[in-house]
């Protein structure tokens, strides 16, 4: 199976320290790879955040007492 990735060539001004950090954190060999990984990670986190926002909150979860009662068959 082949996966084809489309890319877009662009020019951006990125603070040097930020780019150095992202290259170190991602262990990327090139600036292009570092930026691509950072963008992909940002997008993944946004998708996860959107998904999580629709899952409810902990107050919707059963309490320990409710769980014990249910397990006891009451």
PDB file of N, CA and C in Angstrom:
ATOM      1  N   UNK A   1       0.846  -1.172   0.000  1.00  0.00           N
ATOM      2  CA  UNK A   1       0.000   0.000   0.000  1.00  0.00           C
ATOM      3  C   UNK A   1       0.891   1.234   0.000  1.00  0.00           C
ATOM      4  N   UNK A   2       0.593   2.165  -0.869  1.00  0.00           N
ATOM      5  CA  UNK A   2       1.348   3.401  -0.951  1.00  0.00           C
ATOM      6  C   UNK A   2       0.500   4.539  -0.429  1.00  0.00           C
ATOM      7  N   UNK A   3       1.108   5.392   0.375  1.00  0.00           N
ATOM      8  CA  UNK A   3       0.433   6.580   0.869  1.00  0.00           C
ATOM      9  C   UNK A   3       1.086   7.777   0.195  1.00  0.00           C
ATOM     10  N   UNK A   4       0.277   8.586  -0.439  1.00  0.00           N
ATOM     11  CA  UNK A   4       0.787   9.759  -1.132  1.00  0.00           C
ATOM     12  C   UNK A   4       0.489  10.983  -0.286  1.00  0.00           C
ATOM     13  N   UNK A   5       1.527  11.699   0.074  1.00  0.00           N
ATOM     14  CA  UNK A   5       1.376  12.914   0.842  1.00  0.00           C
ATOM     15  C   UNK A   5       1.568  14.104  -0.083  1.00  0.00           C
ATOM     16  N   UNK A   6       0.614  14.994  -0.054  1.00  0.00           N
ATOM     17  CA  UNK A   6       0.762  16.224  -0.812  1.00  0.00           C
ATOM     18  C   UNK A   6       1.389  17.252   0.101  1.00  0.00           C
ATOM     19  N   UNK A   7       2.235  18.065  -0.432  1.00  0.00           N
ATOM     20  CA  UNK A   7       2.865  19.095   0.382  1.00  0.00           C
ATOM     21  C   UNK A   7       2.733  20.442  -0.314  1.00  0.00           C
ATOM     22  N   UNK A   8       2.960  21.481   0.458  1.00  0.00           N
ATOM     23  CA  UNK A   8       2.865  22.831  -0.056  1.00  0.00           C
ATOM     24  C   UNK A   8       4.139  23.563   0.344  1.00  0.00           C
ATOM     25  N   UNK A   9       4.814  24.106  -0.621  1.00  0.00           N
ATOM     26  CA  UNK A   9       6.022  24.863  -0.332  1.00  0.00           C
ATOM     27  C   UNK A   9       5.612  26.278   0.047  1.00  0.00           C
ATOM     28  N   UNK A  10       6.169  26.756   1.167  1.00  0.00           N
ATOM     29  CA  UNK A  10       5.816  28.097   1.639  1.00  0.00           C
ATOM     30  C   UNK A  10       7.000  28.688   2.385  1.00  0.00           C
ATOM     31  N   UNK A  11       6.975  29.976   2.565  1.00  0.00           N
ATOM     32  CA  UNK A  11       8.010  30.672   3.325  1.00  0.00           C
ATOM     33  C   UNK A  11       7.361  31.258   4.568  1.00  0.00           C
ATOM     34  N   UNK A  12       7.942  30.938   5.715  1.00  0.00           N
ATOM     35  CA  UNK A  12       7.421  31.470   6.980  1.00  0.00           C
ATOM     36  C   UNK A  12       8.588  31.941   7.836  1.00  0.00           C
ATOM     37  N   UNK A  13       8.308  32.916   8.673  1.00  0.00           N
ATOM     38  CA  UNK A  13       9.291  33.389   9.645  1.00  0.00           C
ATOM     39  C   UNK A  13       8.972  32.743  10.983  1.00  0.00           C
ATOM     40  N   UNK A  14       9.886  31.904  11.439  1.00  0.00           N
ATOM     41  CA  UNK A  14       9.730  31.206  12.702  1.00  0.00           C
ATOM     42  C   UNK A  14      10.883  31.627  13.602  1.00  0.00           C
ATOM     43  N   UNK A  15      10.575  32.037  14.820  1.00  0.00           N
ATOM     44  CA  UNK A  15      11.675  32.410  15.724  1.00  0.00           C
ATOM     45  C   UNK A  15      12.688  31.268  15.835  1.00  0.00           C
ATOM     46  N   UNK A  16      13.960  31.613  15.731  1.00  0.00           N
ATOM     47  CA  UNK A  16      15.031  30.623  15.687  1.00  0.00           C
ATOM     48  C   UNK A  16      15.005  29.694  16.897  1.00  0.00           C
ATOM     49  N   UNK A  17      14.807  30.237  18.089  1.00  0.00           N
ATOM     50  CA  UNK A  17      14.789  29.426  19.307  1.00  0.00           C
ATOM     51  C   UNK A  17      13.647  28.420  19.265  1.00  0.00           C
ATOM     52  N   UNK A  18      12.468  28.832  18.783  1.00  0.00           N
ATOM     53  CA  UNK A  18      11.323  27.923  18.700  1.00  0.00           C
ATOM     54  C   UNK A  18      11.603  26.781  17.732  1.00  0.00           C
ATOM     55  N   UNK A  19      12.208  27.109  16.610  1.00  0.00           N
ATOM     56  CA  UNK A  19      12.531  26.075  15.625  1.00  0.00           C
ATOM     57  C   UNK A  19      13.591  25.111  16.171  1.00  0.00           C
ATOM     58  N   UNK A  20      14.587  25.641  16.874  1.00  0.00           N
ATOM     59  CA  UNK A  20      15.596  24.780  17.497  1.00  0.00           C
ATOM     60  C   UNK A  20      14.949  23.828  18.496  1.00  0.00           C
ATOM     61  N   UNK A  21      14.017  24.370  19.301  1.00  0.00           N
ATOM     62  CA  UNK A  21      13.333  23.534  20.288  1.00  0.00           C
ATOM     63  C   UNK A  21      12.518  22.433  19.624  1.00  0.00           C
ATOM     64  N   UNK A  22      11.750  22.785  18.602  1.00  0.00           N
ATOM     65  CA  UNK A  22      10.910  21.770  17.950  1.00  0.00           C
ATOM     66  C   UNK A  22      11.773  20.712  17.269  1.00  0.00           C
ATOM     67  N   UNK A  23      12.913  21.103  16.751  1.00  0.00           N
ATOM     68  CA  UNK A  23      13.810  20.116  16.138  1.00  0.00           C
ATOM     69  C   UNK A  23      14.358  19.172  17.210  1.00  0.00           C
ATOM     70  N   UNK A  24      14.667  19.728  18.378  1.00  0.00           N
ATOM     71  CA  UNK A  24      15.185  18.899  19.465  1.00  0.00           C
ATOM     72  C   UNK A  24      14.092  17.962  19.990  1.00  0.00           C
ATOM     73  N   UNK A  25      12.887  18.497  20.224  1.00  0.00           N
ATOM     74  CA  UNK A  25      11.798  17.695  20.786  1.00  0.00           C
ATOM     75  C   UNK A  25      11.328  16.597  19.826  1.00  0.00           C
ATOM     76  N   UNK A  26      11.294  16.897  18.537  1.00  0.00           N
ATOM     77  CA  UNK A  26      10.810  15.911  17.563  1.00  0.00           C
ATOM     78  C   UNK A  26      11.924  14.997  17.062  1.00  0.00           C
ATOM     79  N   UNK A  27      13.159  15.358  17.356  1.00  0.00           N
ATOM     80  CA  UNK A  27      14.327  14.631  16.851  1.00  0.00           C
ATOM     81  C   UNK A  27      14.340  14.595  15.319  1.00  0.00           C
ATOM     82  N   UNK A  28      13.815  15.659  14.735  1.00  0.00           N
ATOM     83  CA  UNK A  28      13.753  15.767  13.280  1.00  0.00           C
ATOM     84  C   UNK A  28      15.146  16.052  12.723  1.00  0.00           C
ATOM     85  N   UNK A  29      15.391  15.510  11.550  1.00  0.00           N
ATOM     86  CA  UNK A  29      16.683  15.698  10.896  1.00  0.00           C
ATOM     87  C   UNK A  29      16.742  17.000  10.104  1.00  0.00           C
ATOM     88  N   UNK A  30      15.566  17.504   9.707  1.00  0.00           N
ATOM     89  CA  UNK A  30      15.528  18.726   8.906  1.00  0.00           C
ATOM     90  C   UNK A  30      14.496  19.693   9.478  1.00  0.00           C
ATOM     91  N   UNK A  31      14.605  20.943   9.092  1.00  0.00           N
ATOM     92  CA  UNK A  31      13.634  21.949   9.516  1.00  0.00           C
ATOM     93  C   UNK A  31      12.248  21.615   8.955  1.00  0.00           C
ATOM     94  N   UNK A  32      12.219  21.165   7.719  1.00  0.00           N
ATOM     95  CA  UNK A  32      10.946  20.804   7.086  1.00  0.00           C
ATOM     96  C   UNK A  32      10.262  19.692   7.870  1.00  0.00           C
ATOM     97  N   UNK A  33      11.012  18.670   8.226  1.00  0.00           N
ATOM     98  CA  UNK A  33      10.458  17.561   8.992  1.00  0.00           C
ATOM     99  C   UNK A  33       9.959  18.037  10.358  1.00  0.00           C
ATOM    100  N   UNK A  34      10.722  18.913  11.002  1.00  0.00           N
ATOM    101  CA  UNK A  34      10.335  19.424  12.316  1.00  0.00           C
ATOM    102  C   UNK A  34       9.026  20.204  12.245  1.00  0.00           C
ATOM    103  N   UNK A  35       8.904  21.074  11.268  1.00  0.00           N
ATOM    104  CA  UNK A  35       7.683  21.862  11.121  1.00  0.00           C
ATOM    105  C   UNK A  35       6.505  20.959  10.764  1.00  0.00           C
ATOM    106  N   UNK A  36       6.719  20.009   9.874  1.00  0.00           N
ATOM    107  CA  UNK A  36       5.644  19.092   9.491  1.00  0.00           C
ATOM    108  C   UNK A  36       5.165  18.292  10.702  1.00  0.00           C
ATOM    109  N   UNK A  37       6.093  17.814  11.520  1.00  0.00           N
ATOM    110  CA  UNK A  37       5.714  17.061  12.722  1.00  0.00           C
ATOM    111  C   UNK A  37       4.959  17.945  13.714  1.00  0.00           C
ATOM    112  N   UNK A  38       5.429  19.171  13.880  1.00  0.00           N
ATOM    113  CA  UNK A  38       4.771  20.090  14.814  1.00  0.00           C
ATOM    114  C   UNK A  38       3.353  20.413  14.354  1.00  0.00           C
ATOM    115  N   UNK A  39       3.182  20.642  13.074  1.00  0.00           N
ATOM    116  CA  UNK A  39       1.850  20.927  12.535  1.00  0.00           C
ATOM    117  C   UNK A  39       0.948  19.705  12.676  1.00  0.00           C
ATOM    118  N   UNK A  40       1.474  18.525  12.355  1.00  0.00           N
ATOM    119  CA  UNK A  40       0.682  17.298  12.475  1.00  0.00           C
ATOM    120  C   UNK A  40       0.280  17.055  13.927  1.00  0.00           C
ATOM    121  N   UNK A  41       1.207  17.284  14.862  1.00  0.00           N
ATOM    122  CA  UNK A  41       0.901  17.094  16.276  1.00  0.00           C
ATOM    123  C   UNK A  41      -0.155  18.094  16.744  1.00  0.00           C
ATOM    124  N   UNK A  42      -0.036  19.342  16.321  1.00  0.00           N
ATOM    125  CA  UNK A  42      -1.035  20.352  16.675  1.00  0.00           C
ATOM    126  C   UNK A  42      -2.413  19.933  16.168  1.00  0.00           C
ATOM    127  N   UNK A  43      -2.484  19.508  14.924  1.00  0.00           N
ATOM    128  CA  UNK A  43      -3.769  19.091  14.342  1.00  0.00           C
ATOM    129  C   UNK A  43      -4.340  17.876  15.072  1.00  0.00           C
ATOM    130  N   UNK A  44      -3.487  16.914  15.418  1.00  0.00           N
ATOM    131  CA  UNK A  44      -3.940  15.742  16.154  1.00  0.00           C
ATOM    132  C   UNK A  44      -4.508  16.137  17.513  1.00  0.00           C
ATOM    133  N   UNK A  45      -3.828  17.047  18.206  1.00  0.00           N
ATOM    134  CA  UNK A  45      -4.312  17.504  19.510  1.00  0.00           C
ATOM    135  C   UNK A  45      -5.639  18.241  19.386  1.00  0.00           C
ATOM    136  N   UNK A  46      -5.810  18.995  18.334  1.00  0.00           N
ATOM    137  CA  UNK A  46      -7.077  19.706  18.137  1.00  0.00           C
ATOM    138  C   UNK A  46      -8.215  18.720  17.883  1.00  0.00           C
ATOM    139  N   UNK A  47      -7.948  17.692  17.069  1.00  0.00           N
ATOM    140  CA  UNK A  47      -8.974  16.675  16.815  1.00  0.00           C
ATOM    141  C   UNK A  47      -9.338  15.930  18.088  1.00  0.00           C
ATOM    142  N   UNK A  48      -8.331  15.580  18.907  1.00  0.00           N
ATOM    143  CA  UNK A  48      -8.589  14.897  20.170  1.00  0.00           C
ATOM    144  C   UNK A  48      -9.368  15.780  21.134  1.00  0.00           C
ATOM    145  N   UNK A  49      -9.040  17.048  21.162  1.00  0.00           N
ATOM    146  CA  UNK A  49      -9.753  17.988  22.029  1.00  0.00           C
ATOM    147  C   UNK A  49     -11.218  18.094  21.623  1.00  0.00           C
ATOM    148  N   UNK A  50     -11.452  18.168  20.333  1.00  0.00           N
ATOM    149  CA  UNK A  50     -12.831  18.243  19.834  1.00  0.00           C
ATOM    150  C   UNK A  50     -13.591  16.964  20.185  1.00  0.00           C
ATOM    151  N   UNK A  51     -12.942  15.834  20.030  1.00  0.00           N
ATOM    152  CA  UNK A  51     -13.559  14.560  20.369  1.00  0.00           C
ATOM    153  C   UNK A  51     -13.861  14.484  21.867  1.00  0.00           C
ATOM    154  N   UNK A  52     -12.894  14.868  22.685  1.00  0.00           N
ATOM    155  CA  UNK A  52     -13.061  14.800  24.140  1.00  0.00           C
ATOM    156  C   UNK A  52     -14.162  15.724  24.628  1.00  0.00           C
ATOM    157  N   UNK A  53     -14.354  16.859  23.972  1.00  0.00           N
ATOM    158  CA  UNK A  53     -15.380  17.797  24.425  1.00  0.00           C
ATOM    159  C   UNK A  53     -16.781  17.212  24.278  1.00  0.00           C
ATOM    160  N   UNK A  54     -16.940  16.241  23.424  1.00  0.00           N
ATOM    161  CA  UNK A  54     -18.240  15.618  23.237  1.00  0.00           C
ATOM    162  C   UNK A  54     -18.465  14.391  24.100  1.00  0.00           C
ATOM    163  N   UNK A  55     -17.498  14.037  24.918  1.00  0.00           N
ATOM    164  CA  UNK A  55     -17.607  12.820  25.712  1.00  0.00           C
ATOM    165  C   UNK A  55     -18.223  13.024  27.089  1.00  0.00           C
ATOM    166  N   UNK A  56     -18.468  14.244  27.482  1.00  0.00           N
ATOM    167  CA  UNK A  56     -19.051  14.489  28.799  1.00  0.00           C
ATOM    168  C   UNK A  56     -17.993  14.835  29.816  1.00  0.00           C
ATOM    169  N   UNK A  57     -18.417  14.858  31.066  1.00  0.00           N
ATOM    170  CA  UNK A  57     -17.518  15.230  32.147  1.00  0.00           C
ATOM    171  C   UNK A  57     -17.503  14.141  33.204  1.00  0.00           C
ATOM    172  N   UNK A  58     -16.597  14.240  34.138  1.00  0.00           N
ATOM    173  CA  UNK A  58     -16.500  13.249  35.194  1.00  0.00           C
ATOM    174  C   UNK A  58     -17.729  13.250  36.100  1.00  0.00           C
ATOM    175  N   UNK A  59     -18.401  14.392  36.226  1.00  0.00           N
ATOM    176  CA  UNK A  59     -19.590  14.407  37.082  1.00  0.00           C
ATOM    177  C   UNK A  59     -20.697  13.534  36.484  1.00  0.00           C
ATOM    178  N   UNK A  60     -20.589  13.194  35.204  1.00  0.00           N
ATOM    179  CA  UNK A  60     -21.542  12.288  34.579  1.00  0.00           C
ATOM    180  C   UNK A  60     -21.217  10.823  34.898  1.00  0.00           C
ATOM    181  N   UNK A  61     -20.056  10.602  35.483  1.00  0.00           N
ATOM    182  CA  UNK A  61     -19.627   9.242  35.780  1.00  0.00           C
ATOM    183  C   UNK A  61     -20.281   8.764  37.076  1.00  0.00           C
ATOM    184  N   UNK A  62     -20.361   7.485  37.196  1.00  0.00           N
ATOM    185  CA  UNK A  62     -20.915   6.832  38.371  1.00  0.00           C
ATOM    186  C   UNK A  62     -19.968   7.021  39.570  1.00  0.00           C
ATOM    187  N   UNK A  63     -20.539   7.235  40.758  1.00  0.00           N
ATOM    188  CA  UNK A  63     -19.710   7.350  41.957  1.00  0.00           C
ATOM    189  C   UNK A  63     -19.313   5.956  42.424  1.00  0.00           C
ATOM    190  N   UNK A  64     -18.341   5.904  43.318  1.00  0.00           N
ATOM    191  CA  UNK A  64     -17.899   4.623  43.860  1.00  0.00           C
ATOM    192  C   UNK A  64     -19.062   3.924  44.583  1.00  0.00           C
ATOM    193  N   UNK A  65     -19.861   4.701  45.316  1.00  0.00           N
ATOM    194  CA  UNK A  65     -21.000   4.142  46.042  1.00  0.00           C
ATOM    195  C   UNK A  65     -22.042   3.573  45.074  1.00  0.00           C
ATOM    196  N   UNK A  66     -22.305   4.282  43.984  1.00  0.00           N
ATOM    197  CA  UNK A  66     -23.256   3.787  42.976  1.00  0.00           C
ATOM    198  C   UNK A  66     -22.747   2.495  42.337  1.00  0.00           C
ATOM    199  N   UNK A  67     -21.449   2.433  42.079  1.00  0.00           N
ATOM    200  CA  UNK A  67     -20.854   1.239  41.497  1.00  0.00           C
ATOM    201  C   UNK A  67     -20.964   0.057  42.459  1.00  0.00           C
ATOM    202  N   UNK A  68     -20.640   0.302  43.734  1.00  0.00           N
ATOM    203  CA  UNK A  68     -20.747  -0.768  44.735  1.00  0.00           C
ATOM    204  C   UNK A  68     -22.181  -1.271  44.856  1.00  0.00           C
ATOM    205  N   UNK A  69     -23.140  -0.353  44.841  1.00  0.00           N
ATOM    206  CA  UNK A  69     -24.551  -0.710  44.942  1.00  0.00           C
ATOM    207  C   UNK A  69     -24.964  -1.551  43.729  1.00  0.00           C
ATOM    208  N   UNK A  70     -24.528  -1.134  42.538  1.00  0.00           N
ATOM    209  CA  UNK A  70     -24.874  -1.869  41.328  1.00  0.00           C
ATOM    210  C   UNK A  70     -24.269  -3.276  41.364  1.00  0.00           C
ATOM    211  N   UNK A  71     -23.022  -3.388  41.822  1.00  0.00           N
ATOM    212  CA  UNK A  71     -22.363  -4.694  41.890  1.00  0.00           C
ATOM    213  C   UNK A  71     -23.032  -5.617  42.899  1.00  0.00           C
ATOM    214  N   UNK A  72     -23.602  -5.009  43.946  1.00  0.00           N
ATOM    215  CA  UNK A  72     -24.271  -5.792  44.979  1.00  0.00           C
ATOM    216  C   UNK A  72     -25.647  -6.263  44.499  1.00  0.00           C
ATOM    217  N   UNK A  73     -26.113  -5.714  43.393  1.00  0.00           N
ATOM    218  CA  UNK A  73     -27.393  -6.121  42.816  1.00  0.00           C
ATOM    219  C   UNK A  73     -28.594  -5.419  43.397  1.00  0.00           C
ATOM    220  N   UNK A  74     -28.395  -4.259  43.984  1.00  0.00           N
ATOM    221  CA  UNK A  74     -29.511  -3.498  44.565  1.00  0.00           C
ATOM    222  C   UNK A  74     -29.978  -2.436  43.631  1.00  0.00           C
TER     223      UNK A  74
END
